[in-house]
């Protein structure tokens, strides 16, 4: 059984992971564009680019389908289990 305290900690961890994913997609795109022009070799890494592309495709697909991100759903469920207030709507909508 998951205690309310542990649920709160896990909800915070998911929030941090969500921020990291959004940062990777947004800041990563900027760095790829700048790095491509400046000749930075690391921006041409195949694995990095594939992960970035897959995340962008996943986010675009969710937006197109009108779906809520699974990370948001998990965080909200854990916050409810912890007895904390959970925001309604999407992660971006709430935080921006």
PDB file of N, CA and C in Angstrom:
ATOM      1  N   UNK A   1       0.842  -1.183   0.000  1.00  0.00           N
ATOM      2  CA  UNK A   1       0.000   0.000   0.000  1.00  0.00           C
ATOM      3  C   UNK A   1       0.884   1.243   0.000  1.00  0.00           C
ATOM      4  N   UNK A   2       0.516   2.196  -0.774  1.00  0.00           N
ATOM      5  CA  UNK A   2       1.283   3.433  -0.918  1.00  0.00           C
ATOM      6  C   UNK A   2       0.807   4.464   0.107  1.00  0.00           C
ATOM      7  N   UNK A   3       1.737   4.916   0.945  1.00  0.00           N
ATOM      8  CA  UNK A   3       1.370   5.907   1.961  1.00  0.00           C
ATOM      9  C   UNK A   3       1.151   7.272   1.310  1.00  0.00           C
ATOM     10  N   UNK A   4       0.367   8.135   1.935  1.00  0.00           N
ATOM     11  CA  UNK A   4       0.165   9.483   1.395  1.00  0.00           C
ATOM     12  C   UNK A   4       1.474  10.266   1.252  1.00  0.00           C
ATOM     13  N   UNK A   5       2.377  10.099   2.207  1.00  0.00           N
ATOM     14  CA  UNK A   5       3.666  10.808   2.122  1.00  0.00           C
ATOM     15  C   UNK A   5       4.465  10.347   0.903  1.00  0.00           C
ATOM     16  N   UNK A   6       4.500   9.029   0.688  1.00  0.00           N
ATOM     17  CA  UNK A   6       5.239   8.492  -0.463  1.00  0.00           C
ATOM     18  C   UNK A   6       4.565   8.909  -1.771  1.00  0.00           C
ATOM     19  N   UNK A   7       3.243   8.963  -1.796  1.00  0.00           N
ATOM     20  CA  UNK A   7       2.520   9.411  -2.987  1.00  0.00           C
ATOM     21  C   UNK A   7       2.896  10.858  -3.322  1.00  0.00           C
ATOM     22  N   UNK A   8       3.024  11.707  -2.292  1.00  0.00           N
ATOM     23  CA  UNK A   8       3.433  13.093  -2.513  1.00  0.00           C
ATOM     24  C   UNK A   8       4.841  13.198  -3.070  1.00  0.00           C
ATOM     25  N   UNK A   9       5.736  12.370  -2.546  1.00  0.00           N
ATOM     26  CA  UNK A   9       7.125  12.360  -3.042  1.00  0.00           C
ATOM     27  C   UNK A   9       7.162  11.902  -4.497  1.00  0.00           C
ATOM     28  N   UNK A  10       6.419  10.855  -4.812  1.00  0.00           N
ATOM     29  CA  UNK A  10       6.376  10.358  -6.195  1.00  0.00           C
ATOM     30  C   UNK A  10       5.742  11.387  -7.137  1.00  0.00           C
ATOM     31  N   UNK A  11       4.718  12.088  -6.675  1.00  0.00           N
ATOM     32  CA  UNK A  11       4.095  13.133  -7.497  1.00  0.00           C
ATOM     33  C   UNK A  11       5.097  14.238  -7.791  1.00  0.00           C
ATOM     34  N   UNK A  12       5.893  14.619  -6.799  1.00  0.00           N
ATOM     35  CA  UNK A  12       6.931  15.636  -7.017  1.00  0.00           C
ATOM     36  C   UNK A  12       8.000  15.145  -7.981  1.00  0.00           C
ATOM     37  N   UNK A  13       8.352  13.861  -7.887  1.00  0.00           N
ATOM     38  CA  UNK A  13       9.345  13.284  -8.802  1.00  0.00           C
ATOM     39  C   UNK A  13       8.820  13.288 -10.237  1.00  0.00           C
ATOM     40  N   UNK A  14       7.548  12.961 -10.404  1.00  0.00           N
ATOM     41  CA  UNK A  14       6.960  12.982 -11.746  1.00  0.00           C
ATOM     42  C   UNK A  14       6.915  14.408 -12.273  1.00  0.00           C
ATOM     43  N   UNK A  15       6.597  15.366 -11.410  1.00  0.00           N
ATOM     44  CA  UNK A  15       6.612  16.772 -11.821  1.00  0.00           C
ATOM     45  C   UNK A  15       8.004  17.172 -12.303  1.00  0.00           C
ATOM     46  N   UNK A  16       9.038  16.790 -11.567  1.00  0.00           N
ATOM     47  CA  UNK A  16      10.418  17.105 -11.967  1.00  0.00           C
ATOM     48  C   UNK A  16      10.767  16.446 -13.303  1.00  0.00           C
ATOM     49  N   UNK A  17      10.342  15.192 -13.488  1.00  0.00           N
ATOM     50  CA  UNK A  17      10.592  14.502 -14.755  1.00  0.00           C
ATOM     51  C   UNK A  17       9.864  15.203 -15.899  1.00  0.00           C
ATOM     52  N   UNK A  18       8.666  15.661 -15.643  1.00  0.00           N
ATOM     53  CA  UNK A  18       7.880  16.360 -16.662  1.00  0.00           C
ATOM     54  C   UNK A  18       8.564  17.658 -17.080  1.00  0.00           C
ATOM     55  N   UNK A  19       9.060  18.399 -16.094  1.00  0.00           N
ATOM     56  CA  UNK A  19       9.793  19.632 -16.391  1.00  0.00           C
ATOM     57  C   UNK A  19      11.031  19.315 -17.226  1.00  0.00           C
ATOM     58  N   UNK A  20      11.727  18.233 -16.883  1.00  0.00           N
ATOM     59  CA  UNK A  20      12.921  17.841 -17.635  1.00  0.00           C
ATOM     60  C   UNK A  20      12.590  17.477 -19.081  1.00  0.00           C
ATOM     61  N   UNK A  21      11.491  16.771 -19.288  1.00  0.00           N
ATOM     62  CA  UNK A  21      11.086  16.392 -20.650  1.00  0.00           C
ATOM     63  C   UNK A  21      10.743  17.634 -21.476  1.00  0.00           C
ATOM     64  N   UNK A  22       9.963  18.537 -20.893  1.00  0.00           N
ATOM     65  CA  UNK A  22       9.595  19.768 -21.604  1.00  0.00           C
ATOM     66  C   UNK A  22      10.850  20.591 -21.907  1.00  0.00           C
ATOM     67  N   UNK A  23      11.737  20.693 -20.930  1.00  0.00           N
ATOM     68  CA  UNK A  23      12.987  21.427 -21.149  1.00  0.00           C
ATOM     69  C   UNK A  23      13.833  20.806 -22.235  1.00  0.00           C
ATOM     70  N   UNK A  24      13.916  19.473 -22.245  1.00  0.00           N
ATOM     71  CA  UNK A  24      14.690  18.783 -23.277  1.00  0.00           C
ATOM     72  C   UNK A  24      14.130  19.058 -24.661  1.00  0.00           C
ATOM     73  N   UNK A  25      12.818  19.027 -24.796  1.00  0.00           N
ATOM     74  CA  UNK A  25      12.204  19.260 -26.105  1.00  0.00           C
ATOM     75  C   UNK A  25      12.401  20.707 -26.558  1.00  0.00           C
ATOM     76  N   UNK A  26      12.099  21.659 -25.693  1.00  0.00           N
ATOM     77  CA  UNK A  26      12.150  23.074 -26.081  1.00  0.00           C
ATOM     78  C   UNK A  26      13.589  23.577 -26.186  1.00  0.00           C
ATOM     79  N   UNK A  27      14.365  23.408 -25.127  1.00  0.00           N
ATOM     80  CA  UNK A  27      15.739  23.902 -25.139  1.00  0.00           C
ATOM     81  C   UNK A  27      16.591  23.090 -26.102  1.00  0.00           C
ATOM     82  N   UNK A  28      16.317  21.793 -26.179  1.00  0.00           N
ATOM     83  CA  UNK A  28      17.051  20.946 -27.122  1.00  0.00           C
ATOM     84  C   UNK A  28      16.901  21.425 -28.554  1.00  0.00           C
ATOM     85  N   UNK A  29      15.697  21.783 -28.937  1.00  0.00           N
ATOM     86  CA  UNK A  29      15.478  22.268 -30.308  1.00  0.00           C
ATOM     87  C   UNK A  29      16.297  23.527 -30.570  1.00  0.00           C
ATOM     88  N   UNK A  30      16.295  24.439 -29.616  1.00  0.00           N
ATOM     89  CA  UNK A  30      17.089  25.667 -29.761  1.00  0.00           C
ATOM     90  C   UNK A  30      18.572  25.344 -29.895  1.00  0.00           C
ATOM     91  N   UNK A  31      19.053  24.447 -29.043  1.00  0.00           N
ATOM     92  CA  UNK A  31      20.472  24.083 -29.093  1.00  0.00           C
ATOM     93  C   UNK A  31      20.829  23.356 -30.382  1.00  0.00           C
ATOM     94  N   UNK A  32      19.928  22.532 -30.892  1.00  0.00           N
ATOM     95  CA  UNK A  32      20.186  21.847 -32.166  1.00  0.00           C
ATOM     96  C   UNK A  32      20.314  22.854 -33.300  1.00  0.00           C
ATOM     97  N   UNK A  33      19.432  23.845 -33.317  1.00  0.00           N
ATOM     98  CA  UNK A  33      19.486  24.856 -34.375  1.00  0.00           C
ATOM     99  C   UNK A  33      20.753  25.709 -34.281  1.00  0.00           C
ATOM    100  N   UNK A  34      21.078  26.141 -33.072  1.00  0.00           N
ATOM    101  CA  UNK A  34      22.293  26.950 -32.887  1.00  0.00           C
ATOM    102  C   UNK A  34      23.537  26.106 -33.146  1.00  0.00           C
ATOM    103  N   UNK A  35      23.568  24.919 -32.576  1.00  0.00           N
ATOM    104  CA  UNK A  35      24.729  24.039 -32.715  1.00  0.00           C
ATOM    105  C   UNK A  35      24.986  23.591 -34.136  1.00  0.00           C
ATOM    106  N   UNK A  36      23.923  23.416 -34.908  1.00  0.00           N
ATOM    107  CA  UNK A  36      24.094  23.052 -36.317  1.00  0.00           C
ATOM    108  C   UNK A  36      24.815  24.136 -37.094  1.00  0.00           C
ATOM    109  N   UNK A  37      24.499  25.367 -36.790  1.00  0.00           N
ATOM    110  CA  UNK A  37      25.147  26.503 -37.472  1.00  0.00           C
ATOM    111  C   UNK A  37      26.572  26.734 -36.988  1.00  0.00           C
ATOM    112  N   UNK A  38      26.807  26.416 -35.726  1.00  0.00           N
ATOM    113  CA  UNK A  38      28.137  26.659 -35.146  1.00  0.00           C
ATOM    114  C   UNK A  38      29.069  25.464 -35.269  1.00  0.00           C
ATOM    115  N   UNK A  39      28.566  24.370 -35.790  1.00  0.00           N
ATOM    116  CA  UNK A  39      29.404  23.191 -35.989  1.00  0.00           C
ATOM    117  C   UNK A  39      29.634  22.349 -34.743  1.00  0.00           C
ATOM    118  N   UNK A  40      28.730  22.452 -33.767  1.00  0.00           N
ATOM    119  CA  UNK A  40      28.869  21.627 -32.572  1.00  0.00           C
ATOM    120  C   UNK A  40      28.601  20.167 -32.945  1.00  0.00           C
ATOM    121  N   UNK A  41      29.546  19.313 -32.675  1.00  0.00           N
ATOM    122  CA  UNK A  41      29.428  17.908 -33.097  1.00  0.00           C
ATOM    123  C   UNK A  41      28.357  17.146 -32.324  1.00  0.00           C
ATOM    124  N   UNK A  42      28.162  17.439 -31.060  1.00  0.00           N
ATOM    125  CA  UNK A  42      27.238  16.669 -30.241  1.00  0.00           C
ATOM    126  C   UNK A  42      25.793  16.813 -30.696  1.00  0.00           C
ATOM    127  N   UNK A  43      25.459  17.916 -31.398  1.00  0.00           N
ATOM    128  CA  UNK A  43      24.069  18.089 -31.833  1.00  0.00           C
ATOM    129  C   UNK A  43      23.714  17.150 -32.975  1.00  0.00           C
ATOM    130  N   UNK A  44      24.705  16.515 -33.554  1.00  0.00           N
ATOM    131  CA  UNK A  44      24.447  15.564 -34.640  1.00  0.00           C
ATOM    132  C   UNK A  44      24.381  14.117 -34.147  1.00  0.00           C
ATOM    133  N   UNK A  45      24.396  13.921 -32.831  1.00  0.00           N
ATOM    134  CA  UNK A  45      24.306  12.570 -32.268  1.00  0.00           C
ATOM    135  C   UNK A  45      22.989  11.904 -32.642  1.00  0.00           C
ATOM    136  N   UNK A  46      23.080  10.739 -33.256  1.00  0.00           N
ATOM    137  CA  UNK A  46      21.890  10.053 -33.782  1.00  0.00           C
ATOM    138  C   UNK A  46      20.903   9.700 -32.672  1.00  0.00           C
ATOM    139  N   UNK A  47      21.393   9.113 -31.587  1.00  0.00           N
ATOM    140  CA  UNK A  47      20.501   8.706 -30.489  1.00  0.00           C
ATOM    141  C   UNK A  47      19.783   9.888 -29.867  1.00  0.00           C
ATOM    142  N   UNK A  48      20.524  10.957 -29.641  1.00  0.00           N
ATOM    143  CA  UNK A  48      19.938  12.169 -29.066  1.00  0.00           C
ATOM    144  C   UNK A  48      18.843  12.729 -29.966  1.00  0.00           C
ATOM    145  N   UNK A  49      19.119  12.773 -31.256  1.00  0.00           N
ATOM    146  CA  UNK A  49      18.136  13.303 -32.203  1.00  0.00           C
ATOM    147  C   UNK A  49      16.902  12.413 -32.308  1.00  0.00           C
ATOM    148  N   UNK A  50      17.093  11.098 -32.257  1.00  0.00           N
ATOM    149  CA  UNK A  50      15.947  10.175 -32.337  1.00  0.00           C
ATOM    150  C   UNK A  50      15.051  10.330 -31.109  1.00  0.00           C
ATOM    151  N   UNK A  51      15.660  10.382 -29.926  1.00  0.00           N
ATOM    152  CA  UNK A  51      14.868  10.560 -28.701  1.00  0.00           C
ATOM    153  C   UNK A  51      14.104  11.873 -28.769  1.00  0.00           C
ATOM    154  N   UNK A  52      14.762  12.923 -29.218  1.00  0.00           N
ATOM    155  CA  UNK A  52      14.130  14.234 -29.329  1.00  0.00           C
ATOM    156  C   UNK A  52      12.968  14.183 -30.320  1.00  0.00           C
ATOM    157  N   UNK A  53      13.175  13.569 -31.441  1.00  0.00           N
ATOM    158  CA  UNK A  53      12.129  13.463 -32.457  1.00  0.00           C
ATOM    159  C   UNK A  53      10.940  12.636 -31.963  1.00  0.00           C
ATOM    160  N   UNK A  54      11.222  11.526 -31.276  1.00  0.00           N
ATOM    161  CA  UNK A  54      10.142  10.692 -30.749  1.00  0.00           C
ATOM    162  C   UNK A  54       9.319  11.442 -29.704  1.00  0.00           C
ATOM    163  N   UNK A  55       9.993  12.175 -28.834  1.00  0.00           N
ATOM    164  CA  UNK A  55       9.262  12.972 -27.838  1.00  0.00           C
ATOM    165  C   UNK A  55       8.410  14.044 -28.506  1.00  0.00           C
ATOM    166  N   UNK A  56       8.951  14.720 -29.503  1.00  0.00           N
ATOM    167  CA  UNK A  56       8.173  15.740 -30.217  1.00  0.00           C
ATOM    168  C   UNK A  56       6.969  15.109 -30.908  1.00  0.00           C
ATOM    169  N   UNK A  57       7.162  13.943 -31.505  1.00  0.00           N
ATOM    170  CA  UNK A  57       6.056  13.246 -32.164  1.00  0.00           C
ATOM    171  C   UNK A  57       4.988  12.820 -31.175  1.00  0.00           C
ATOM    172  N   UNK A  58       5.415  12.341 -30.006  1.00  0.00           N
ATOM    173  CA  UNK A  58       4.468  11.933 -28.973  1.00  0.00           C
ATOM    174  C   UNK A  58       3.647  13.123 -28.494  1.00  0.00           C
ATOM    175  N   UNK A  59       4.307  14.236 -28.240  1.00  0.00           N
ATOM    176  CA  UNK A  59       3.618  15.449 -27.774  1.00  0.00           C
ATOM    177  C   UNK A  59       2.660  15.967 -28.853  1.00  0.00           C
ATOM    178  N   UNK A  60       3.128  15.991 -30.103  1.00  0.00           N
ATOM    179  CA  UNK A  60       2.269  16.457 -31.200  1.00  0.00           C
ATOM    180  C   UNK A  60       1.052  15.547 -31.368  1.00  0.00           C
ATOM    181  N   UNK A  61       1.268  14.240 -31.253  1.00  0.00           N
ATOM    182  CA  UNK A  61       0.161  13.289 -31.359  1.00  0.00           C
ATOM    183  C   UNK A  61      -0.869  13.484 -30.257  1.00  0.00           C
ATOM    184  N   UNK A  62      -0.394  13.718 -29.049  1.00  0.00           N
ATOM    185  CA  UNK A  62      -1.317  13.974 -27.935  1.00  0.00           C
ATOM    186  C   UNK A  62      -2.130  15.241 -28.178  1.00  0.00           C
ATOM    187  N   UNK A  63      -1.459  16.287 -28.632  1.00  0.00           N
ATOM    188  CA  UNK A  63      -2.162  17.547 -28.895  1.00  0.00           C
ATOM    189  C   UNK A  63      -3.201  17.352 -29.987  1.00  0.00           C
ATOM    190  N   UNK A  64      -2.843  16.629 -31.015  1.00  0.00           N
ATOM    191  CA  UNK A  64      -3.753  16.392 -32.135  1.00  0.00           C
ATOM    192  C   UNK A  64      -4.974  15.588 -31.688  1.00  0.00           C
ATOM    193  N   UNK A  65      -4.746  14.622 -30.807  1.00  0.00           N
ATOM    194  CA  UNK A  65      -5.848  13.782 -30.326  1.00  0.00           C
ATOM    195  C   UNK A  65      -6.610  14.414 -29.155  1.00  0.00           C
ATOM    196  N   UNK A  66      -6.071  15.491 -28.611  1.00  0.00           N
ATOM    197  CA  UNK A  66      -6.698  16.131 -27.454  1.00  0.00           C
ATOM    198  C   UNK A  66      -6.515  15.334 -26.175  1.00  0.00           C
ATOM    199  N   UNK A  67      -5.469  14.522 -26.124  1.00  0.00           N
ATOM    200  CA  UNK A  67      -5.219  13.669 -24.955  1.00  0.00           C
ATOM    201  C   UNK A  67      -4.358  14.399 -23.925  1.00  0.00           C
ATOM    202  N   UNK A  68      -4.491  13.981 -22.688  1.00  0.00           N
ATOM    203  CA  UNK A  68      -3.669  14.521 -21.606  1.00  0.00           C
ATOM    204  C   UNK A  68      -2.463  13.597 -21.441  1.00  0.00           C
ATOM    205  N   UNK A  69      -1.317  14.182 -21.189  1.00  0.00           N
ATOM    206  CA  UNK A  69      -0.069  13.437 -21.033  1.00  0.00           C
ATOM    207  C   UNK A  69      -0.179  12.435 -19.880  1.00  0.00           C
ATOM    208  N   UNK A  70       0.336  11.230 -20.067  1.00  0.00           N
ATOM    209  CA  UNK A  70       0.306  10.246 -18.979  1.00  0.00           C
ATOM    210  C   UNK A  70       1.029  10.731 -17.720  1.00  0.00           C
ATOM    211  N   UNK A  71       2.088  11.500 -17.872  1.00  0.00           N
ATOM    212  CA  UNK A  71       2.789  12.027 -16.696  1.00  0.00           C
ATOM    213  C   UNK A  71       1.868  12.925 -15.877  1.00  0.00           C
ATOM    214  N   UNK A  72       1.051  13.716 -16.554  1.00  0.00           N
ATOM    215  CA  UNK A  72       0.092  14.582 -15.861  1.00  0.00           C
ATOM    216  C   UNK A  72      -0.945  13.741 -15.120  1.00  0.00           C
ATOM    217  N   UNK A  73      -1.450  12.726 -15.779  1.00  0.00           N
ATOM    218  CA  UNK A  73      -2.454  11.859 -15.154  1.00  0.00           C
ATOM    219  C   UNK A  73      -1.890  11.159 -13.923  1.00  0.00           C
ATOM    220  N   UNK A  74      -0.665  10.643 -14.023  1.00  0.00           N
ATOM    221  CA  UNK A  74      -0.038   9.956 -12.893  1.00  0.00           C
ATOM    222  C   UNK A  74       0.209  10.926 -11.741  1.00  0.00           C
ATOM    223  N   UNK A  75       0.711  12.119 -12.085  1.00  0.00           N
ATOM    224  CA  UNK A  75       0.977  13.110 -11.038  1.00  0.00           C
ATOM    225  C   UNK A  75      -0.323  13.486 -10.319  1.00  0.00           C
ATOM    226  N   UNK A  76      -1.378  13.749 -11.078  1.00  0.00           N
ATOM    227  CA  UNK A  76      -2.652  14.127 -10.467  1.00  0.00           C
ATOM    228  C   UNK A  76      -3.212  13.016  -9.586  1.00  0.00           C
ATOM    229  N   UNK A  77      -3.103  11.782 -10.034  1.00  0.00           N
ATOM    230  CA  UNK A  77      -3.593  10.648  -9.243  1.00  0.00           C
ATOM    231  C   UNK A  77      -2.805  10.518  -7.939  1.00  0.00           C
ATOM    232  N   UNK A  78      -1.492  10.685  -8.027  1.00  0.00           N
ATOM    233  CA  UNK A  78      -0.667  10.590  -6.821  1.00  0.00           C
ATOM    234  C   UNK A  78      -0.937  11.747  -5.862  1.00  0.00           C
ATOM    235  N   UNK A  79      -1.153  12.932  -6.406  1.00  0.00           N
ATOM    236  CA  UNK A  79      -1.467  14.074  -5.534  1.00  0.00           C
ATOM    237  C   UNK A  79      -2.802  13.834  -4.818  1.00  0.00           C
ATOM    238  N   UNK A  80      -3.774  13.293  -5.536  1.00  0.00           N
ATOM    239  CA  UNK A  80      -5.054  12.963  -4.904  1.00  0.00           C
ATOM    240  C   UNK A  80      -4.883  11.933  -3.800  1.00  0.00           C
ATOM    241  N   UNK A  81      -4.051  10.929  -4.060  1.00  0.00           N
ATOM    242  CA  UNK A  81      -3.790   9.892  -3.046  1.00  0.00           C
ATOM    243  C   UNK A  81      -3.072  10.473  -1.834  1.00  0.00           C
ATOM    244  N   UNK A  82      -2.239  11.505  -2.083  1.00  0.00           N
ATOM    245  CA  UNK A  82      -1.494  12.143  -0.991  1.00  0.00           C
ATOM    246  C   UNK A  82      -2.341  13.163  -0.241  1.00  0.00           C
ATOM    247  N   UNK A  83      -3.559  13.416  -0.727  1.00  0.00           N
ATOM    248  CA  UNK A  83      -4.414  14.407  -0.093  1.00  0.00           C
ATOM    249  C   UNK A  83      -4.060  15.831  -0.468  1.00  0.00           C
ATOM    250  N   UNK A  84      -3.317  15.984  -1.558  1.00  0.00           N
ATOM    251  CA  UNK A  84      -2.909  17.307  -2.036  1.00  0.00           C
ATOM    252  C   UNK A  84      -3.857  17.764  -3.135  1.00  0.00           C
ATOM    253  N   UNK A  85      -3.910  19.060  -3.342  1.00  0.00           N
ATOM    254  CA  UNK A  85      -4.729  19.608  -4.429  1.00  0.00           C
ATOM    255  C   UNK A  85      -4.052  19.307  -5.759  1.00  0.00           C
ATOM    256  N   UNK A  86      -4.816  18.809  -6.710  1.00  0.00           N
ATOM    257  CA  UNK A  86      -4.303  18.529  -8.050  1.00  0.00           C
ATOM    258  C   UNK A  86      -4.908  19.540  -9.018  1.00  0.00           C
ATOM    259  N   UNK A  87      -4.102  20.034  -9.926  1.00  0.00           N
ATOM    260  CA  UNK A  87      -4.604  20.982 -10.920  1.00  0.00           C
ATOM    261  C   UNK A  87      -5.420  20.239 -11.971  1.00  0.00           C
ATOM    262  N   UNK A  88      -6.311  20.974 -12.614  1.00  0.00           N
ATOM    263  CA  UNK A  88      -7.096  20.371 -13.693  1.00  0.00           C
ATOM    264  C   UNK A  88      -6.484  20.799 -15.020  1.00  0.00           C
ATOM    265  N   UNK A  89      -6.720  20.034 -16.032  1.00  0.00           N
ATOM    266  CA  UNK A  89      -6.170  20.359 -17.346  1.00  0.00           C
ATOM    267  C   UNK A  89      -4.771  19.812 -17.511  1.00  0.00           C
ATOM    268  N   UNK A  90      -4.049  20.394 -18.447  1.00  0.00           N
ATOM    269  CA  UNK A  90      -2.724  19.883 -18.788  1.00  0.00           C
ATOM    270  C   UNK A  90      -1.630  20.543 -17.958  1.00  0.00           C
ATOM    271  N   UNK A  91      -0.476  19.927 -17.975  1.00  0.00           N
ATOM    272  CA  UNK A  91       0.703  20.422 -17.272  1.00  0.00           C
ATOM    273  C   UNK A  91       1.088  21.816 -17.777  1.00  0.00           C
ATOM    274  N   UNK A  92       1.193  21.975 -19.068  1.00  0.00           N
ATOM    275  CA  UNK A  92       1.589  23.258 -19.678  1.00  0.00           C
ATOM    276  C   UNK A  92       0.545  24.334 -19.381  1.00  0.00           C
ATOM    277  N   UNK A  93      -0.713  23.967 -19.520  1.00  0.00           N
ATOM    278  CA  UNK A  93      -1.808  24.908 -19.262  1.00  0.00           C
ATOM    279  C   UNK A  93      -1.749  25.431 -17.832  1.00  0.00           C
ATOM    280  N   UNK A  94      -1.460  24.558 -16.902  1.00  0.00           N
ATOM    281  CA  UNK A  94      -1.412  24.962 -15.499  1.00  0.00           C
ATOM    282  C   UNK A  94      -0.169  25.805 -15.182  1.00  0.00           C
ATOM    283  N   UNK A  95       0.983  25.360 -15.613  1.00  0.00           N
ATOM    284  CA  UNK A  95       2.230  26.003 -15.203  1.00  0.00           C
ATOM    285  C   UNK A  95       2.601  27.210 -16.045  1.00  0.00           C
ATOM    286  N   UNK A  96       2.092  27.314 -17.259  1.00  0.00           N
ATOM    287  CA  UNK A  96       2.408  28.483 -18.075  1.00  0.00           C
ATOM    288  C   UNK A  96       1.211  29.408 -18.145  1.00  0.00           C
TER     289      UNK A  96
END
